[in-house]
Amino acid sequence: MRLVSMLAAALLAAAVGDGLPEAEPAVPTGAPHYTAAGELRRPEGYRTWVFVGASLGLSYREGARADGMDEFHHVYLRPEAYDAYRRTGRFPDKTVLVLELHEAERKTAPARHGLFEGRRIALEAAVKDIARFPEGWAYFSFGDGSRETAAAFPRSRCFECHRQHAAADNVFIQFYPVLRDGAH
């Protein structure tokens, strides 16, 4: 009888639990993830990050449309990096920013005028990883967003322009009020 009581108590405890609150899931650190070959894995869930701003037609390349209406840019920043930047005015190591580009299309009926975002044409990332990149920052392209990994661009492709023209820590905060006006 005593054995039956002990088994019943054990089954009841297993069914009810130990009465302690469940441990919270580990908070993601937001660190970038790389393949064994050193390529950056495409950041997932970036549309849930802090949306730091948008631009229309801002381009760094020759041959962009003169009217500036060729693409929308959206920039997202991991929440942990955003919080650190607001407190310190610096982006912490392992910061990841994502730039998503969409074609700008003319609004059609029922609207009379305006533009809207068409198909995604590019997905890029900027990563601050001091141990991995001698300059601290590297820049990546996932094509139209369908590529799962990307190798860092050569230093001459993006880094030099960011180093010379970015308002803070290799990031063009001058284009995004959330960053430009939000530091400490």
Protein backbone atom coordinates (compact mmCIF):
# COMPACT_ATOMS: atom_id res chain seq x y z
CA MET A 1 0.00 0.00 0.00
CA ARG A 2 2.81 2.35 0.86
CA LEU A 3 4.42 1.69 -2.55
CA VAL A 4 1.13 2.51 -4.30
CA SER A 5 0.86 5.78 -2.34
CA MET A 6 4.42 6.73 -3.26
CA LEU A 7 3.81 5.96 -6.94
CA ALA A 8 0.58 7.97 -6.91
CA ALA A 9 2.37 10.92 -5.30
CA ALA A 10 5.18 10.71 -7.87
CA LEU A 11 2.70 10.61 -10.75
CA LEU A 12 0.79 13.56 -9.31
CA ALA A 13 4.00 15.56 -8.89
CA ALA A 14 5.02 14.78 -12.46
CA ALA A 15 1.62 15.81 -13.78
CA VAL A 16 1.50 19.05 -11.77
CA GLY A 17 5.17 19.91 -12.05
CA ASP A 18 7.57 20.81 -9.31
CA GLY A 19 5.68 23.97 -8.45
CA LEU A 20 8.60 26.15 -9.45
CA PRO A 21 8.18 28.68 -12.23
CA GLU A 22 9.65 27.60 -15.54
CA ALA A 23 12.99 29.11 -16.37
CA GLU A 24 12.85 31.93 -18.85
CA PRO A 25 14.25 31.04 -22.26
CA ALA A 26 17.76 32.27 -22.83
CA VAL A 27 17.79 35.83 -24.07
CA PRO A 28 19.34 35.89 -27.53
CA THR A 29 22.58 37.81 -27.57
CA GLY A 30 22.02 39.09 -31.08
CA ALA A 31 25.47 38.03 -32.19
CA PRO A 32 25.98 37.45 -35.90
CA HIS A 33 26.19 33.84 -37.05
CA TYR A 34 28.77 32.58 -39.54
CA THR A 35 29.35 29.42 -41.54
CA ALA A 36 32.48 27.32 -41.06
CA ALA A 37 33.83 29.08 -44.17
CA GLY A 38 33.35 32.48 -42.49
CA GLU A 39 30.32 33.65 -44.46
CA LEU A 40 27.60 35.55 -42.61
CA ARG A 41 24.30 33.73 -42.26
CA ARG A 42 21.33 35.84 -43.34
CA PRO A 43 19.86 37.47 -40.22
CA GLU A 44 16.43 36.08 -39.39
CA GLY A 45 13.58 38.03 -37.86
CA TYR A 46 15.11 41.41 -38.65
CA ARG A 47 11.70 42.96 -39.33
CA THR A 48 11.00 42.63 -35.60
CA TRP A 49 14.15 44.63 -34.72
CA VAL A 50 14.23 48.39 -34.17
CA PHE A 51 13.26 50.14 -37.40
CA VAL A 52 15.71 53.03 -37.45
CA GLY A 53 14.59 54.67 -40.66
CA ALA A 54 13.79 54.76 -44.32
CA SER A 55 14.96 56.64 -47.34
CA LEU A 56 13.76 56.92 -50.91
CA GLY A 57 16.26 56.91 -53.74
CA LEU A 58 19.36 57.34 -51.57
CA SER A 59 22.12 55.73 -53.60
CA TYR A 60 25.88 55.38 -53.42
CA ARG A 61 26.30 54.06 -56.93
CA GLU A 62 26.67 55.58 -60.36
CA GLY A 63 23.71 55.11 -62.68
CA ALA A 64 20.98 55.55 -60.09
CA ARG A 65 17.88 57.32 -61.31
CA ALA A 66 18.21 61.10 -61.27
CA ASP A 67 14.70 61.61 -59.85
CA GLY A 68 15.66 59.59 -56.77
CA MET A 69 12.57 57.42 -57.01
CA ASP A 70 14.12 54.09 -57.81
CA GLU A 71 14.11 52.31 -54.44
CA PHE A 72 12.98 52.44 -50.84
CA HIS A 73 15.58 51.63 -48.16
CA HIS A 74 14.62 50.32 -44.73
CA VAL A 75 17.21 49.93 -41.98
CA TYR A 76 16.78 47.64 -38.97
CA LEU A 77 19.03 47.34 -35.91
CA ARG A 78 19.12 44.63 -33.28
CA PRO A 79 17.39 45.91 -30.12
CA GLU A 80 20.42 45.21 -27.90
CA ALA A 81 22.66 47.30 -30.14
CA TYR A 82 20.09 50.10 -30.31
CA ASP A 83 19.85 50.26 -26.51
CA ALA A 84 23.65 50.34 -26.17
CA TYR A 85 23.94 53.05 -28.83
CA ARG A 86 21.32 55.21 -27.11
CA ARG A 87 23.22 54.93 -23.82
CA THR A 88 26.77 55.37 -25.10
CA GLY A 89 26.74 56.83 -28.60
CA ARG A 90 28.75 53.81 -29.83
CA PHE A 91 27.63 50.60 -31.47
CA PRO A 92 28.75 47.59 -29.42
CA ASP A 93 30.76 44.71 -30.78
CA LYS A 94 28.53 42.19 -32.62
CA THR A 95 26.14 44.93 -33.82
CA VAL A 96 24.12 43.90 -36.87
CA LEU A 97 22.22 46.35 -39.08
CA VAL A 98 20.10 45.16 -41.99
CA LEU A 99 19.34 47.25 -45.07
CA GLU A 100 16.34 46.07 -47.09
CA LEU A 101 15.74 47.65 -50.52
CA HIS A 102 12.46 47.60 -52.46
CA GLU A 103 11.59 48.92 -55.88
CA ALA A 104 9.57 52.12 -55.79
CA GLU A 105 6.40 51.66 -57.80
CA ARG A 106 3.75 54.17 -58.81
CA LYS A 107 0.52 53.89 -56.93
CA THR A 108 -2.37 52.70 -59.06
CA ALA A 109 -6.15 52.89 -58.60
CA PRO A 110 -7.82 53.75 -56.37
CA ALA A 111 -5.04 56.15 -55.34
CA ARG A 112 -4.43 59.13 -57.59
CA HIS A 113 -0.69 59.52 -57.02
CA GLY A 114 2.20 58.40 -54.86
CA LEU A 115 4.64 55.56 -54.55
CA PHE A 116 4.66 52.24 -52.73
CA GLU A 117 7.17 49.49 -52.11
CA GLY A 118 7.38 46.89 -54.83
CA ARG A 119 9.39 43.71 -54.80
CA ARG A 120 12.46 43.39 -52.62
CA ILE A 121 15.56 43.89 -54.74
CA ALA A 122 18.34 43.64 -52.16
CA LEU A 123 19.09 42.60 -48.61
CA GLU A 124 22.37 43.74 -47.07
CA ALA A 125 23.95 43.71 -43.64
CA ALA A 126 26.60 45.66 -41.77
CA VAL A 127 28.31 43.81 -38.94
CA LYS A 128 30.64 45.07 -36.26
CA ASP A 129 32.81 42.15 -35.18
CA ILE A 130 36.15 43.30 -33.84
CA ALA A 131 37.66 39.83 -33.50
CA ARG A 132 36.72 38.79 -37.03
CA PHE A 133 37.34 41.94 -39.09
CA PRO A 134 40.56 43.97 -38.70
CA GLU A 135 38.71 47.27 -39.31
CA GLY A 136 35.89 46.27 -36.96
CA TRP A 137 33.10 46.47 -39.55
CA ALA A 138 32.24 44.41 -42.64
CA TYR A 139 29.44 44.64 -45.19
CA PHE A 140 27.50 41.84 -46.88
CA SER A 141 24.91 41.31 -49.61
CA PHE A 142 22.35 38.51 -49.73
CA GLY A 143 21.30 39.44 -53.27
CA ASP A 144 17.54 39.87 -53.36
CA GLY A 145 17.36 38.22 -49.94
CA SER A 146 17.10 34.66 -51.18
CA ARG A 147 20.75 33.80 -50.47
CA GLU A 148 21.26 32.26 -47.05
CA THR A 149 24.91 33.28 -46.64
CA ALA A 150 27.20 36.04 -47.87
CA ALA A 151 30.92 36.73 -47.91
CA ALA A 152 32.14 40.13 -46.75
CA PHE A 153 32.64 42.72 -49.46
CA PRO A 154 36.25 43.78 -50.08
CA ARG A 155 37.31 46.71 -47.91
CA SER A 156 37.27 49.07 -50.92
CA ARG A 157 33.64 48.29 -51.73
CA CYS A 158 31.83 49.67 -48.66
CA PHE A 159 34.16 50.09 -45.71
CA GLU A 160 36.15 53.05 -47.03
CA CYS A 161 33.04 55.09 -47.84
CA HIS A 162 31.54 54.34 -44.42
CA ARG A 163 34.81 55.23 -42.70
CA GLN A 164 35.04 58.54 -44.54
CA HIS A 165 31.41 59.68 -44.53
CA ALA A 166 29.50 58.01 -41.70
CA ALA A 167 28.58 60.35 -38.87
CA ALA A 168 29.17 57.80 -36.10
CA ASP A 169 31.18 54.60 -35.83
CA ASN A 170 30.97 53.67 -39.54
CA VAL A 171 27.16 54.05 -39.58
CA PHE A 172 25.33 56.69 -41.62
CA ILE A 173 23.25 57.86 -38.66
CA GLN A 174 22.87 61.25 -40.37
CA PHE A 175 20.15 59.69 -42.55
CA TYR A 176 18.07 58.19 -39.71
CA PRO A 177 16.53 60.44 -37.01
CA VAL A 178 15.99 57.53 -34.62
CA LEU A 179 19.77 57.18 -34.41
CA ARG A 180 20.82 60.75 -35.16
CA ASP A 181 18.63 62.27 -32.44
CA GLY A 182 18.57 59.38 -29.99
CA ALA A 183 22.13 58.96 -28.72
CA HIS A 184 22.69 59.57 -25.01
